[in-house]
Amino acid sequence: MPRTLKFTGEAKNMTVEELESFVKAARAAGAPDGSHITAVVSTSGKVKEIEVELPG
């Protein structure tokens, strides 16, 4: 099973600061350039959850 890194918005939808934290954590965990991310969005189009598959 692949390792993944998943973040969710603390107040239901993600903020810019939460997105920045996700990117920093993904880089620190070894996510390579070009990694595809998966997002769960609300019916209004706001990001609720974001995930990236990690190598290894």
PDB file of N, CA and C in Angstrom:
ATOM      1  N   MET A   1       0.844  -1.180   0.000  1.00  0.00           N
ATOM      2  CA  MET A   1       0.000   0.000   0.000  1.00  0.00           C
ATOM      3  C   MET A   1       0.895   1.251   0.000  1.00  0.00           C
ATOM      4  N   PRO A   2       0.653   2.172  -0.915  1.00  0.00           N
ATOM      5  CA  PRO A   2       1.498   3.368  -0.988  1.00  0.00           C
ATOM      6  C   PRO A   2       1.319   4.269   0.230  1.00  0.00           C
ATOM      7  N   ARG A   3       2.399   4.947   0.578  1.00  0.00           N
ATOM      8  CA  ARG A   3       2.330   5.926   1.662  1.00  0.00           C
ATOM      9  C   ARG A   3       1.736   7.214   1.106  1.00  0.00           C
ATOM     10  N   THR A   4       0.890   7.839   1.887  1.00  0.00           N
ATOM     11  CA  THR A   4       0.300   9.106   1.468  1.00  0.00           C
ATOM     12  C   THR A   4       0.385  10.121   2.600  1.00  0.00           C
ATOM     13  N   LEU A   5       0.314  11.363   2.215  1.00  0.00           N
ATOM     14  CA  LEU A   5       0.246  12.469   3.159  1.00  0.00           C
ATOM     15  C   LEU A   5      -1.081  13.157   2.904  1.00  0.00           C
ATOM     16  N   LYS A   6      -1.892  13.306   3.951  1.00  0.00           N
ATOM     17  CA  LYS A   6      -3.226  13.878   3.790  1.00  0.00           C
ATOM     18  C   LYS A   6      -3.431  15.012   4.797  1.00  0.00           C
ATOM     19  N   PHE A   7      -3.948  16.131   4.330  1.00  0.00           N
ATOM     20  CA  PHE A   7      -4.300  17.263   5.184  1.00  0.00           C
ATOM     21  C   PHE A   7      -5.765  17.591   4.973  1.00  0.00           C
ATOM     22  N   THR A   8      -6.415  18.050   6.028  1.00  0.00           N
ATOM     23  CA  THR A   8      -7.785  18.533   5.925  1.00  0.00           C
ATOM     24  C   THR A   8      -7.864  19.933   6.524  1.00  0.00           C
ATOM     25  N   GLY A   9      -8.862  20.680   6.105  1.00  0.00           N
ATOM     26  CA  GLY A   9      -9.067  22.002   6.666  1.00  0.00           C
ATOM     27  C   GLY A   9      -9.588  21.898   8.085  1.00  0.00           C
ATOM     28  N   GLU A  10      -8.978  22.632   8.997  1.00  0.00           N
ATOM     29  CA  GLU A  10      -9.398  22.568  10.398  1.00  0.00           C
ATOM     30  C   GLU A  10     -10.833  23.059  10.569  1.00  0.00           C
ATOM     31  N   ALA A  11     -11.206  24.074   9.792  1.00  0.00           N
ATOM     32  CA  ALA A  11     -12.568  24.624   9.873  1.00  0.00           C
ATOM     33  C   ALA A  11     -13.372  24.204   8.640  1.00  0.00           C
ATOM     34  N   LYS A  12     -13.297  22.914   8.284  1.00  0.00           N
ATOM     35  CA  LYS A  12     -14.020  22.325   7.162  1.00  0.00           C
ATOM     36  C   LYS A  12     -13.346  22.574   5.823  1.00  0.00           C
ATOM     37  N   ASN A  13     -13.050  23.828   5.481  1.00  0.00           N
ATOM     38  CA  ASN A  13     -12.391  24.153   4.216  1.00  0.00           C
ATOM     39  C   ASN A  13     -10.978  24.655   4.494  1.00  0.00           C
ATOM     40  N   MET A  14     -10.051  24.335   3.586  1.00  0.00           N
ATOM     41  CA  MET A  14      -8.653  24.703   3.784  1.00  0.00           C
ATOM     42  C   MET A  14      -8.416  26.188   3.539  1.00  0.00           C
ATOM     43  N   THR A  15      -7.462  26.717   4.274  1.00  0.00           N
ATOM     44  CA  THR A  15      -7.024  28.098   4.099  1.00  0.00           C
ATOM     45  C   THR A  15      -5.704  28.103   3.336  1.00  0.00           C
ATOM     46  N   VAL A  16      -5.256  29.267   2.916  1.00  0.00           N
ATOM     47  CA  VAL A  16      -3.971  29.397   2.236  1.00  0.00           C
ATOM     48  C   VAL A  16      -2.848  28.903   3.147  1.00  0.00           C
ATOM     49  N   GLU A  17      -2.925  29.244   4.424  1.00  0.00           N
ATOM     50  CA  GLU A  17      -1.894  28.810   5.371  1.00  0.00           C
ATOM     51  C   GLU A  17      -1.861  27.290   5.498  1.00  0.00           C
ATOM     52  N   GLU A  18      -3.022  26.651   5.504  1.00  0.00           N
ATOM     53  CA  GLU A  18      -3.075  25.193   5.580  1.00  0.00           C
ATOM     54  C   GLU A  18      -2.527  24.561   4.309  1.00  0.00           C
ATOM     55  N   LEU A  19      -2.808  25.152   3.173  1.00  0.00           N
ATOM     56  CA  LEU A  19      -2.265  24.656   1.914  1.00  0.00           C
ATOM     57  C   LEU A  19      -0.742  24.782   1.900  1.00  0.00           C
ATOM     58  N   GLU A  20      -0.231  25.904   2.371  1.00  0.00           N
ATOM     59  CA  GLU A  20       1.217  26.107   2.449  1.00  0.00           C
ATOM     60  C   GLU A  20       1.854  25.064   3.376  1.00  0.00           C
ATOM     61  N   SER A  21       1.226  24.784   4.498  1.00  0.00           N
ATOM     62  CA  SER A  21       1.732  23.767   5.424  1.00  0.00           C
ATOM     63  C   SER A  21       1.773  22.394   4.757  1.00  0.00           C
ATOM     64  N   PHE A  22       0.753  22.090   3.971  1.00  0.00           N
ATOM     65  CA  PHE A  22       0.711  20.818   3.247  1.00  0.00           C
ATOM     66  C   PHE A  22       1.886  20.712   2.284  1.00  0.00           C
ATOM     67  N   VAL A  23       2.130  21.753   1.506  1.00  0.00           N
ATOM     68  CA  VAL A  23       3.218  21.727   0.521  1.00  0.00           C
ATOM     69  C   VAL A  23       4.570  21.566   1.223  1.00  0.00           C
ATOM     70  N   LYS A  24       4.773  22.297   2.305  1.00  0.00           N
ATOM     71  CA  LYS A  24       6.029  22.171   3.061  1.00  0.00           C
ATOM     72  C   LYS A  24       6.196  20.761   3.615  1.00  0.00           C
ATOM     73  N   ALA A  25       5.139  20.183   4.159  1.00  0.00           N
ATOM     74  CA  ALA A  25       5.202  18.833   4.709  1.00  0.00           C
ATOM     75  C   ALA A  25       5.439  17.800   3.612  1.00  0.00           C
ATOM     76  N   ALA A  26       4.814  17.996   2.461  1.00  0.00           N
ATOM     77  CA  ALA A  26       5.004  17.071   1.337  1.00  0.00           C
ATOM     78  C   ALA A  26       6.450  17.103   0.854  1.00  0.00           C
ATOM     79  N   ARG A  27       7.017  18.298   0.740  1.00  0.00           N
ATOM     80  CA  ARG A  27       8.428  18.425   0.337  1.00  0.00           C
ATOM     81  C   ARG A  27       9.337  17.756   1.362  1.00  0.00           C
ATOM     82  N   ALA A  28       9.079  18.006   2.639  1.00  0.00           N
ATOM     83  CA  ALA A  28       9.902  17.431   3.698  1.00  0.00           C
ATOM     84  C   ALA A  28       9.802  15.902   3.721  1.00  0.00           C
ATOM     85  N   ALA A  29       8.657  15.363   3.322  1.00  0.00           N
ATOM     86  CA  ALA A  29       8.443  13.917   3.310  1.00  0.00           C
ATOM     87  C   ALA A  29       8.990  13.264   2.044  1.00  0.00           C
ATOM     88  N   GLY A  30       9.511  14.080   1.105  1.00  0.00           N
ATOM     89  CA  GLY A  30      10.143  13.526  -0.091  1.00  0.00           C
ATOM     90  C   GLY A  30       9.288  13.476  -1.330  1.00  0.00           C
ATOM     91  N   ALA A  31       8.161  14.155  -1.346  1.00  0.00           N
ATOM     92  CA  ALA A  31       7.330  14.175  -2.559  1.00  0.00           C
ATOM     93  C   ALA A  31       8.121  14.865  -3.679  1.00  0.00           C
ATOM     94  N   PRO A  32       8.355  14.169  -4.796  1.00  0.00           N
ATOM     95  CA  PRO A  32       9.157  14.751  -5.877  1.00  0.00           C
ATOM     96  C   PRO A  32       8.379  15.786  -6.688  1.00  0.00           C
ATOM     97  N   ASP A  33       9.135  16.632  -7.400  1.00  0.00           N
ATOM     98  CA  ASP A  33       8.507  17.563  -8.337  1.00  0.00           C
ATOM     99  C   ASP A  33       7.645  16.753  -9.301  1.00  0.00           C
ATOM    100  N   GLY A  34       6.540  17.302  -9.696  1.00  0.00           N
ATOM    101  CA  GLY A  34       5.656  16.619 -10.633  1.00  0.00           C
ATOM    102  C   GLY A  34       4.687  15.658  -9.980  1.00  0.00           C
ATOM    103  N   SER A  35       4.728  15.550  -8.643  1.00  0.00           N
ATOM    104  CA  SER A  35       3.774  14.675  -7.951  1.00  0.00           C
ATOM    105  C   SER A  35       2.360  15.209  -8.156  1.00  0.00           C
ATOM    106  N   HIS A  36       1.451  14.305  -8.428  1.00  0.00           N
ATOM    107  CA  HIS A  36       0.051  14.696  -8.589  1.00  0.00           C
ATOM    108  C   HIS A  36      -0.630  14.670  -7.227  1.00  0.00           C
ATOM    109  N   ILE A  37      -1.511  15.614  -7.002  1.00  0.00           N
ATOM    110  CA  ILE A  37      -2.261  15.673  -5.758  1.00  0.00           C
ATOM    111  C   ILE A  37      -3.720  15.335  -6.036  1.00  0.00           C
ATOM    112  N   THR A  38      -4.378  14.842  -5.015  1.00  0.00           N
ATOM    113  CA  THR A  38      -5.806  14.556  -5.080  1.00  0.00           C
ATOM    114  C   THR A  38      -6.494  15.457  -4.069  1.00  0.00           C
ATOM    115  N   ALA A  39      -7.615  16.036  -4.459  1.00  0.00           N
ATOM    116  CA  ALA A  39      -8.339  16.934  -3.564  1.00  0.00           C
ATOM    117  C   ALA A  39      -9.805  16.533  -3.489  1.00  0.00           C
ATOM    118  N   VAL A  40     -10.378  16.726  -2.323  1.00  0.00           N
ATOM    119  CA  VAL A  40     -11.816  16.598  -2.123  1.00  0.00           C
ATOM    120  C   VAL A  40     -12.325  18.022  -1.966  1.00  0.00           C
ATOM    121  N   VAL A  41     -13.296  18.387  -2.788  1.00  0.00           N
ATOM    122  CA  VAL A  41     -13.829  19.748  -2.742  1.00  0.00           C
ATOM    123  C   VAL A  41     -15.301  19.736  -2.343  1.00  0.00           C
ATOM    124  N   SER A  42     -15.733  20.853  -1.781  1.00  0.00           N
ATOM    125  CA  SER A  42     -17.142  20.989  -1.396  1.00  0.00           C
ATOM    126  C   SER A  42     -17.974  21.303  -2.633  1.00  0.00           C
ATOM    127  N   THR A  43     -19.272  21.296  -2.486  1.00  0.00           N
ATOM    128  CA  THR A  43     -20.153  21.617  -3.615  1.00  0.00           C
ATOM    129  C   THR A  43     -19.953  23.057  -4.093  1.00  0.00           C
ATOM    130  N   SER A  44     -19.392  23.903  -3.223  1.00  0.00           N
ATOM    131  CA  SER A  44     -19.113  25.286  -3.625  1.00  0.00           C
ATOM    132  C   SER A  44     -17.712  25.444  -4.210  1.00  0.00           C
ATOM    133  N   GLY A  45     -16.957  24.321  -4.316  1.00  0.00           N
ATOM    134  CA  GLY A  45     -15.639  24.350  -4.931  1.00  0.00           C
ATOM    135  C   GLY A  45     -14.487  24.622  -3.977  1.00  0.00           C
ATOM    136  N   LYS A  46     -14.749  24.698  -2.684  1.00  0.00           N
ATOM    137  CA  LYS A  46     -13.684  24.934  -1.702  1.00  0.00           C
ATOM    138  C   LYS A  46     -12.987  23.620  -1.380  1.00  0.00           C
ATOM    139  N   VAL A  47     -11.677  23.692  -1.153  1.00  0.00           N
ATOM    140  CA  VAL A  47     -10.885  22.508  -0.859  1.00  0.00           C
ATOM    141  C   VAL A  47     -11.130  22.073   0.584  1.00  0.00           C
ATOM    142  N   LYS A  48     -11.530  20.814   0.749  1.00  0.00           N
ATOM    143  CA  LYS A  48     -11.785  20.263   2.081  1.00  0.00           C
ATOM    144  C   LYS A  48     -10.635  19.374   2.539  1.00  0.00           C
ATOM    145  N   GLU A  49     -10.020  18.657   1.578  1.00  0.00           N
ATOM    146  CA  GLU A  49      -8.988  17.681   1.901  1.00  0.00           C
ATOM    147  C   GLU A  49      -8.041  17.573   0.715  1.00  0.00           C
ATOM    148  N   ILE A  50      -6.760  17.381   0.995  1.00  0.00           N
ATOM    149  CA  ILE A  50      -5.765  17.263  -0.071  1.00  0.00           C
ATOM    150  C   ILE A  50      -4.801  16.143   0.299  1.00  0.00           C
ATOM    151  N   GLU A  51      -4.322  15.412  -0.713  1.00  0.00           N
ATOM    152  CA  GLU A  51      -3.505  14.228  -0.468  1.00  0.00           C
ATOM    153  C   GLU A  51      -2.476  14.067  -1.574  1.00  0.00           C
ATOM    154  N   VAL A  52      -1.293  13.555  -1.220  1.00  0.00           N
ATOM    155  CA  VAL A  52      -0.252  13.259  -2.191  1.00  0.00           C
ATOM    156  C   VAL A  52       0.354  11.912  -1.842  1.00  0.00           C
ATOM    157  N   GLU A  53       0.673  11.125  -2.865  1.00  0.00           N
ATOM    158  CA  GLU A  53       1.343   9.848  -2.659  1.00  0.00           C
ATOM    159  C   GLU A  53       2.838  10.095  -2.526  1.00  0.00           C
ATOM    160  N   LEU A  54       3.452   9.450  -1.542  1.00  0.00           N
ATOM    161  CA  LEU A  54       4.880   9.622  -1.280  1.00  0.00           C
ATOM    162  C   LEU A  54       5.674   8.452  -1.824  1.00  0.00           C
ATOM    163  N   PRO A  55       6.918   8.676  -2.222  1.00  0.00           N
ATOM    164  CA  PRO A  55       7.738   7.582  -2.728  1.00  0.00           C
ATOM    165  C   PRO A  55       8.130   6.610  -1.618  1.00  0.00           C
ATOM    166  N   GLY A  56       8.422   5.395  -2.028  1.00  0.00           N
ATOM    167  CA  GLY A  56       8.943   4.405  -1.095  1.00  0.00           C
ATOM    168  C   GLY A  56       7.903   3.669  -0.447  1.00  0.00           C
TER     169      GLY A  56
END
